[in-house]
Amino acid sequence: MVGAGTKEIRISLNDGWFRVMYVAKFPEAVYVLHCFKKKTSTTSKQDKEITAARYKAVVQERSKK
């Protein structure tokens, strides 16, 4: 799991699969965490780690307010 409330948009085009990872559970904004082109049928560990790190950064930044 990347983070509570994280969703993904799946896009299939002629030149490949694409993913947009985002979180929309906060009232002030929709945060796009990561966008990438998939090369395999599974999401890579690196892409999951990037998304998780950005989710954590959003949560930390929001807690400062």
Protein backbone atom coordinates (compact mmCIF):
# COMPACT_ATOMS: atom_id res chain seq x y z
CA MET A 1 0.00 0.00 0.00
CA VAL A 2 1.27 3.42 -0.96
CA GLY A 3 -0.87 5.57 1.33
CA ALA A 4 -4.44 5.74 2.61
CA GLY A 5 -6.74 7.10 -0.08
CA THR A 6 -4.23 6.85 -2.91
CA LYS A 7 -5.90 6.17 -6.26
CA GLU A 8 -4.65 5.58 -9.76
CA ILE A 9 -5.76 6.48 -13.25
CA ARG A 10 -4.86 3.85 -15.83
CA ILE A 11 -4.28 4.97 -19.40
CA SER A 12 -3.73 2.59 -22.30
CA LEU A 13 -2.39 4.05 -25.55
CA ASN A 14 -0.84 2.56 -28.67
CA ASP A 15 2.67 3.13 -27.33
CA GLY A 16 2.11 1.68 -23.85
CA TRP A 17 0.43 1.87 -20.46
CA PHE A 18 0.57 4.90 -18.23
CA ARG A 19 -0.35 5.48 -14.60
CA VAL A 20 -1.20 8.62 -12.65
CA MET A 21 -1.08 8.12 -8.88
CA TYR A 22 -2.98 10.69 -6.84
CA VAL A 23 -4.74 11.35 -3.54
CA ALA A 24 -8.01 13.30 -3.37
CA LYS A 25 -9.00 12.85 0.27
CA PHE A 26 -7.88 16.28 1.43
CA PRO A 27 -10.37 19.15 1.09
CA GLU A 28 -7.98 21.75 -0.30
CA ALA A 29 -6.54 19.92 -3.32
CA VAL A 30 -6.03 16.82 -5.41
CA TYR A 31 -2.36 15.89 -5.11
CA VAL A 32 -0.76 14.15 -8.09
CA LEU A 33 1.95 12.03 -6.52
CA HIS A 34 3.55 10.31 -9.50
CA CYS A 35 3.02 9.72 -13.24
CA PHE A 36 4.88 7.09 -15.20
CA LYS A 37 4.91 4.79 -18.21
CA LYS A 38 4.61 1.13 -17.32
CA LYS A 39 6.96 -1.32 -18.96
CA THR A 40 5.58 -4.48 -17.33
CA SER A 41 2.19 -5.62 -16.07
CA THR A 42 3.12 -4.80 -12.47
CA THR A 43 4.04 -1.48 -10.88
CA SER A 44 7.75 -1.39 -10.09
CA LYS A 45 9.08 -1.17 -6.56
CA GLN A 46 10.77 2.12 -7.46
CA ASP A 47 7.49 3.68 -8.66
CA LYS A 48 5.73 2.53 -5.48
CA GLU A 49 8.53 3.98 -3.34
CA ILE A 50 8.41 7.33 -5.15
CA THR A 51 4.64 7.51 -4.72
CA ALA A 52 4.86 6.57 -1.03
CA ALA A 53 7.58 9.15 -0.35
CA ARG A 54 5.56 11.89 -2.01
CA TYR A 55 2.42 10.86 -0.11
CA LYS A 56 4.39 11.07 3.14
CA ALA A 57 5.68 14.52 2.15
CA VAL A 58 2.12 15.75 1.51
CA VAL A 59 0.94 14.46 4.90
CA GLN A 60 3.93 16.05 6.68
CA GLU A 61 3.46 19.39 4.93
CA ARG A 62 -0.25 19.44 5.77
CA SER A 63 0.50 18.76 9.45
CA LYS A 64 2.53 22.00 9.66
CA LYS A 65 -0.58 24.11 9.05
